[in-house]
Amino acid sequence: MTTYKIRIDDSAESDLRNLFEFLISVMSREGANRYIDMIINEVLSLSILADIYSPSSYADIRCYHPKARRMVSHNKRWVYIFHIEDDTVVVDRILPSKLITK
C-alpha cells in the first residue's frame, strides 16, 4: 500500500477559506472550526486512500486536471478533487457536490 504526501493547491485553500467565512456567518466559530477540521481530516485520509479512486470520467472534474479523481465527503455535500503526482496527492479543489453534474 502506497502512502502519499498531501499538498493542498491554492484554489483548494481558497475554497476552504470561503467555506469557513460562510460557516461563521451561519453558526458559531467553534462549529465552523469543527466542520473545517472534519473536511481536512477527510482530505488527509487521501494519503492512504487515493489509489482506490480512479481518474474521473466527468468533464466537471477533468477540467481541473486531465487525470483528476474525486472523493465524496462522508455527508455527500463536498467533493474533493485531486490528482496524483509521483508520491504526492495534490488536492485541486473542494467543491459542493451539487456543482458536479457531468
N, C-alpha and C. Protein backbone atom coordinates (compact mmCIF):
# COMPACT_ATOMS: atom_id res chain seq x y z
N MET A 1 0.84 -1.18 0.00
CA MET A 1 0.00 0.00 0.00
C MET A 1 0.89 1.24 0.00
N THR A 2 0.59 2.16 -0.90
CA THR A 2 1.35 3.39 -1.02
C THR A 2 0.81 4.43 -0.05
N THR A 3 1.71 5.15 0.58
CA THR A 3 1.34 6.28 1.41
C THR A 3 1.84 7.54 0.72
N TYR A 4 0.91 8.47 0.49
CA TYR A 4 1.23 9.69 -0.24
C TYR A 4 1.38 10.89 0.68
N LYS A 5 2.17 11.83 0.24
CA LYS A 5 2.18 13.16 0.86
C LYS A 5 0.94 13.89 0.35
N ILE A 6 0.49 14.87 1.09
CA ILE A 6 -0.68 15.66 0.68
C ILE A 6 -0.24 17.10 0.45
N ARG A 7 -0.62 17.65 -0.70
CA ARG A 7 -0.39 19.06 -0.98
C ARG A 7 -1.74 19.67 -1.36
N ILE A 8 -2.11 20.73 -0.68
CA ILE A 8 -3.37 21.40 -0.97
C ILE A 8 -3.08 22.62 -1.84
N ASP A 9 -3.61 22.60 -3.05
CA ASP A 9 -3.41 23.68 -4.01
C ASP A 9 -4.03 24.98 -3.49
N ASP A 10 -3.55 26.10 -4.00
CA ASP A 10 -4.07 27.41 -3.59
C ASP A 10 -5.58 27.52 -3.80
N SER A 11 -6.08 26.95 -4.89
CA SER A 11 -7.53 27.01 -5.15
C SER A 11 -8.31 26.26 -4.08
N ALA A 12 -7.81 25.11 -3.66
CA ALA A 12 -8.49 24.34 -2.61
C ALA A 12 -8.40 25.07 -1.27
N GLU A 13 -7.27 25.70 -1.00
CA GLU A 13 -7.16 26.50 0.23
C GLU A 13 -8.17 27.65 0.21
N SER A 14 -8.31 28.28 -0.93
CA SER A 14 -9.29 29.36 -1.07
C SER A 14 -10.71 28.82 -0.86
N ASP A 15 -11.00 27.63 -1.40
CA ASP A 15 -12.30 27.01 -1.18
C ASP A 15 -12.57 26.83 0.30
N LEU A 16 -11.57 26.37 1.05
CA LEU A 16 -11.72 26.18 2.49
C LEU A 16 -11.94 27.49 3.22
N ARG A 17 -11.17 28.51 2.85
CA ARG A 17 -11.33 29.83 3.49
C ARG A 17 -12.73 30.38 3.24
N ASN A 18 -13.18 30.29 1.99
CA ASN A 18 -14.52 30.79 1.66
C ASN A 18 -15.60 30.03 2.40
N LEU A 19 -15.44 28.72 2.50
CA LEU A 19 -16.41 27.92 3.25
C LEU A 19 -16.41 28.32 4.71
N PHE A 20 -15.23 28.51 5.29
CA PHE A 20 -15.15 28.91 6.70
C PHE A 20 -15.85 30.25 6.92
N GLU A 21 -15.62 31.21 6.05
CA GLU A 21 -16.27 32.51 6.17
C GLU A 21 -17.79 32.37 6.11
N PHE A 22 -18.28 31.53 5.21
CA PHE A 22 -19.72 31.29 5.15
C PHE A 22 -20.21 30.64 6.44
N LEU A 23 -19.50 29.62 6.89
CA LEU A 23 -19.94 28.89 8.08
C LEU A 23 -20.03 29.78 9.32
N ILE A 24 -19.06 30.68 9.51
CA ILE A 24 -19.13 31.52 10.71
C ILE A 24 -20.25 32.55 10.60
N SER A 25 -20.81 32.73 9.40
CA SER A 25 -21.96 33.62 9.27
C SER A 25 -23.28 32.91 9.63
N VAL A 26 -23.25 31.57 9.68
CA VAL A 26 -24.48 30.83 9.97
C VAL A 26 -24.39 29.94 11.21
N MET A 27 -23.20 29.86 11.82
CA MET A 27 -23.05 29.05 13.03
C MET A 27 -21.94 29.64 13.89
N SER A 28 -21.69 29.04 15.01
CA SER A 28 -20.64 29.53 15.90
C SER A 28 -19.27 29.27 15.27
N ARG A 29 -18.29 30.02 15.71
CA ARG A 29 -16.91 29.83 15.23
C ARG A 29 -16.44 28.42 15.58
N GLU A 30 -16.81 27.96 16.76
CA GLU A 30 -16.42 26.61 17.20
C GLU A 30 -17.02 25.55 16.26
N GLY A 31 -18.29 25.71 15.90
CA GLY A 31 -18.93 24.78 14.98
C GLY A 31 -18.27 24.82 13.60
N ALA A 32 -17.95 26.03 13.14
CA ALA A 32 -17.28 26.19 11.84
C ALA A 32 -15.90 25.51 11.87
N ASN A 33 -15.18 25.68 12.97
CA ASN A 33 -13.86 25.04 13.10
C ASN A 33 -13.98 23.52 13.06
N ARG A 34 -14.99 22.98 13.75
CA ARG A 34 -15.19 21.52 13.75
C ARG A 34 -15.50 21.02 12.33
N TYR A 35 -16.34 21.75 11.62
CA TYR A 35 -16.72 21.35 10.26
C TYR A 35 -15.50 21.36 9.34
N ILE A 36 -14.71 22.42 9.40
CA ILE A 36 -13.50 22.50 8.58
C ILE A 36 -12.51 21.41 8.97
N ASP A 37 -12.37 21.14 10.27
CA ASP A 37 -11.48 20.06 10.71
C ASP A 37 -11.91 18.71 10.15
N MET A 38 -13.23 18.48 10.08
CA MET A 38 -13.74 17.24 9.52
C MET A 38 -13.33 17.13 8.04
N ILE A 39 -13.47 18.22 7.30
CA ILE A 39 -13.09 18.21 5.89
C ILE A 39 -11.59 17.97 5.75
N ILE A 40 -10.80 18.66 6.54
CA ILE A 40 -9.34 18.49 6.47
C ILE A 40 -8.95 17.04 6.79
N ASN A 41 -9.58 16.45 7.78
CA ASN A 41 -9.26 15.05 8.11
C ASN A 41 -9.63 14.11 6.97
N GLU A 42 -10.74 14.37 6.31
CA GLU A 42 -11.10 13.54 5.15
C GLU A 42 -10.09 13.71 4.03
N VAL A 43 -9.68 14.94 3.79
CA VAL A 43 -8.68 15.19 2.75
C VAL A 43 -7.37 14.49 3.10
N LEU A 44 -6.97 14.55 4.36
CA LEU A 44 -5.72 13.90 4.77
C LEU A 44 -5.80 12.37 4.64
N SER A 45 -7.01 11.82 4.71
CA SER A 45 -7.14 10.37 4.54
C SER A 45 -6.75 9.92 3.13
N LEU A 46 -6.70 10.86 2.19
CA LEU A 46 -6.25 10.52 0.85
C LEU A 46 -4.81 10.03 0.84
N SER A 47 -4.06 10.30 1.88
CA SER A 47 -2.67 9.83 1.93
C SER A 47 -2.61 8.30 1.83
N ILE A 48 -3.68 7.62 2.28
CA ILE A 48 -3.70 6.16 2.17
C ILE A 48 -4.82 5.66 1.26
N LEU A 49 -5.81 6.51 0.95
CA LEU A 49 -6.96 6.07 0.17
C LEU A 49 -6.93 6.48 -1.30
N ALA A 50 -6.00 7.32 -1.69
CA ALA A 50 -6.03 7.91 -3.04
C ALA A 50 -6.08 6.86 -4.15
N ASP A 51 -5.39 5.75 -3.96
CA ASP A 51 -5.33 4.72 -5.00
C ASP A 51 -6.66 4.04 -5.28
N ILE A 52 -7.59 4.12 -4.36
CA ILE A 52 -8.87 3.42 -4.61
C ILE A 52 -9.78 4.21 -5.55
N TYR A 53 -9.44 5.45 -5.80
CA TYR A 53 -10.23 6.29 -6.71
C TYR A 53 -9.56 6.33 -8.07
N SER A 54 -10.32 6.00 -9.10
CA SER A 54 -9.76 6.03 -10.44
C SER A 54 -9.98 7.42 -11.07
N PRO A 55 -9.24 7.73 -12.11
CA PRO A 55 -9.46 9.02 -12.78
C PRO A 55 -10.92 9.15 -13.21
N SER A 56 -11.46 10.33 -13.03
CA SER A 56 -12.88 10.56 -13.27
C SER A 56 -13.19 10.67 -14.75
N SER A 57 -14.39 10.27 -15.10
CA SER A 57 -14.87 10.45 -16.47
C SER A 57 -15.70 11.72 -16.61
N TYR A 58 -15.95 12.41 -15.50
CA TYR A 58 -16.76 13.63 -15.50
C TYR A 58 -15.94 14.82 -16.01
N ALA A 59 -16.47 15.52 -16.99
CA ALA A 59 -15.80 16.71 -17.52
C ALA A 59 -15.67 17.78 -16.43
N ASP A 60 -16.67 17.85 -15.53
CA ASP A 60 -16.61 18.82 -14.43
C ASP A 60 -15.44 18.57 -13.50
N ILE A 61 -14.94 17.36 -13.47
CA ILE A 61 -13.78 17.01 -12.64
C ILE A 61 -12.49 17.17 -13.45
N ARG A 62 -12.50 16.65 -14.67
CA ARG A 62 -11.29 16.68 -15.51
C ARG A 62 -10.86 18.08 -15.91
N CYS A 63 -11.75 19.06 -15.79
CA CYS A 63 -11.34 20.42 -16.16
C CYS A 63 -10.25 20.95 -15.22
N TYR A 64 -10.07 20.34 -14.06
CA TYR A 64 -9.04 20.77 -13.11
C TYR A 64 -7.70 20.08 -13.35
N HIS A 65 -7.76 18.87 -13.90
CA HIS A 65 -6.55 18.13 -14.25
C HIS A 65 -6.98 16.96 -15.13
N PRO A 66 -6.23 16.64 -16.17
CA PRO A 66 -6.65 15.56 -17.08
C PRO A 66 -6.82 14.21 -16.38
N LYS A 67 -6.10 13.98 -15.29
CA LYS A 67 -6.20 12.72 -14.55
C LYS A 67 -6.81 12.92 -13.16
N ALA A 68 -7.67 13.92 -13.06
CA ALA A 68 -8.29 14.22 -11.77
C ALA A 68 -9.18 13.08 -11.30
N ARG A 69 -9.20 12.94 -10.01
CA ARG A 69 -10.04 11.95 -9.33
C ARG A 69 -10.93 12.70 -8.35
N ARG A 70 -11.93 12.01 -7.82
CA ARG A 70 -12.77 12.67 -6.83
C ARG A 70 -13.08 11.76 -5.68
N MET A 71 -13.13 12.35 -4.52
CA MET A 71 -13.58 11.68 -3.31
C MET A 71 -14.77 12.48 -2.80
N VAL A 72 -15.87 11.81 -2.49
CA VAL A 72 -17.06 12.48 -1.97
C VAL A 72 -17.00 12.40 -0.45
N SER A 73 -17.33 13.51 0.21
CA SER A 73 -17.28 13.55 1.67
C SER A 73 -18.27 12.57 2.28
N HIS A 74 -18.07 12.25 3.54
CA HIS A 74 -18.94 11.27 4.20
C HIS A 74 -20.40 11.72 4.23
N ASN A 75 -20.63 13.04 4.26
CA ASN A 75 -22.02 13.53 4.27
C ASN A 75 -22.54 13.84 2.87
N LYS A 76 -21.73 13.54 1.87
CA LYS A 76 -22.07 13.69 0.44
C LYS A 76 -22.31 15.13 0.00
N ARG A 77 -21.90 16.09 0.80
CA ARG A 77 -22.09 17.50 0.45
C ARG A 77 -20.89 18.10 -0.27
N TRP A 78 -19.74 17.45 -0.19
CA TRP A 78 -18.50 18.01 -0.74
C TRP A 78 -17.80 17.00 -1.62
N VAL A 79 -17.10 17.51 -2.61
CA VAL A 79 -16.28 16.69 -3.48
C VAL A 79 -14.85 17.22 -3.38
N TYR A 80 -13.93 16.31 -3.11
CA TYR A 80 -12.52 16.66 -3.06
C TYR A 80 -11.91 16.21 -4.38
N ILE A 81 -11.50 17.16 -5.17
CA ILE A 81 -10.93 16.87 -6.49
C ILE A 81 -9.41 16.87 -6.35
N PHE A 82 -8.79 15.79 -6.81
CA PHE A 82 -7.35 15.65 -6.61
C PHE A 82 -6.73 14.87 -7.77
N HIS A 83 -5.43 14.96 -7.86
CA HIS A 83 -4.68 14.11 -8.77
C HIS A 83 -3.40 13.68 -8.08
N ILE A 84 -2.76 12.68 -8.64
CA ILE A 84 -1.56 12.11 -8.04
C ILE A 84 -0.36 12.47 -8.91
N GLU A 85 0.65 13.05 -8.27
CA GLU A 85 1.93 13.35 -8.92
C GLU A 85 3.02 12.62 -8.15
N ASP A 86 3.56 11.57 -8.72
CA ASP A 86 4.60 10.77 -8.09
C ASP A 86 4.14 10.28 -6.71
N ASP A 87 4.75 10.81 -5.63
CA ASP A 87 4.41 10.36 -4.28
C ASP A 87 3.53 11.36 -3.53
N THR A 88 2.85 12.23 -4.30
CA THR A 88 2.05 13.30 -3.69
C THR A 88 0.63 13.34 -4.25
N VAL A 89 -0.33 13.47 -3.36
CA VAL A 89 -1.70 13.75 -3.76
C VAL A 89 -1.85 15.27 -3.75
N VAL A 90 -2.23 15.83 -4.87
CA VAL A 90 -2.46 17.27 -4.98
C VAL A 90 -3.97 17.49 -4.97
N VAL A 91 -4.45 18.19 -3.93
CA VAL A 91 -5.87 18.49 -3.83
C VAL A 91 -6.10 19.78 -4.60
N ASP A 92 -6.85 19.67 -5.72
CA ASP A 92 -7.06 20.79 -6.62
C ASP A 92 -8.19 21.70 -6.17
N ARG A 93 -9.30 21.11 -5.75
CA ARG A 93 -10.48 21.89 -5.35
C ARG A 93 -11.26 21.14 -4.29
N ILE A 94 -12.02 21.90 -3.52
CA ILE A 94 -13.00 21.36 -2.59
C ILE A 94 -14.30 22.08 -2.91
N LEU A 95 -15.23 21.34 -3.53
CA LEU A 95 -16.43 21.97 -4.08
C LEU A 95 -17.69 21.32 -3.54
N PRO A 96 -18.79 22.09 -3.53
CA PRO A 96 -20.08 21.47 -3.20
C PRO A 96 -20.40 20.39 -4.23
N SER A 97 -20.87 19.26 -3.77
CA SER A 97 -21.12 18.15 -4.69
C SER A 97 -22.20 18.47 -5.71
N LYS A 98 -23.09 19.38 -5.40
CA LYS A 98 -24.15 19.75 -6.34
C LYS A 98 -23.61 20.42 -7.60
N LEU A 99 -22.37 20.93 -7.55
CA LEU A 99 -21.78 21.56 -8.73
C LEU A 99 -21.27 20.55 -9.76
N ILE A 100 -21.15 19.29 -9.35
CA ILE A 100 -20.60 18.26 -10.23
C ILE A 100 -21.78 17.52 -10.86
N THR A 101 -22.02 17.78 -12.14
CA THR A 101 -23.19 17.20 -12.79
C THR A 101 -22.85 16.35 -14.00
N LYS A 102 -21.69 16.60 -14.61
CA LYS A 102 -21.36 15.83 -15.82
C LYS A 102 -19.88 15.55 -15.90
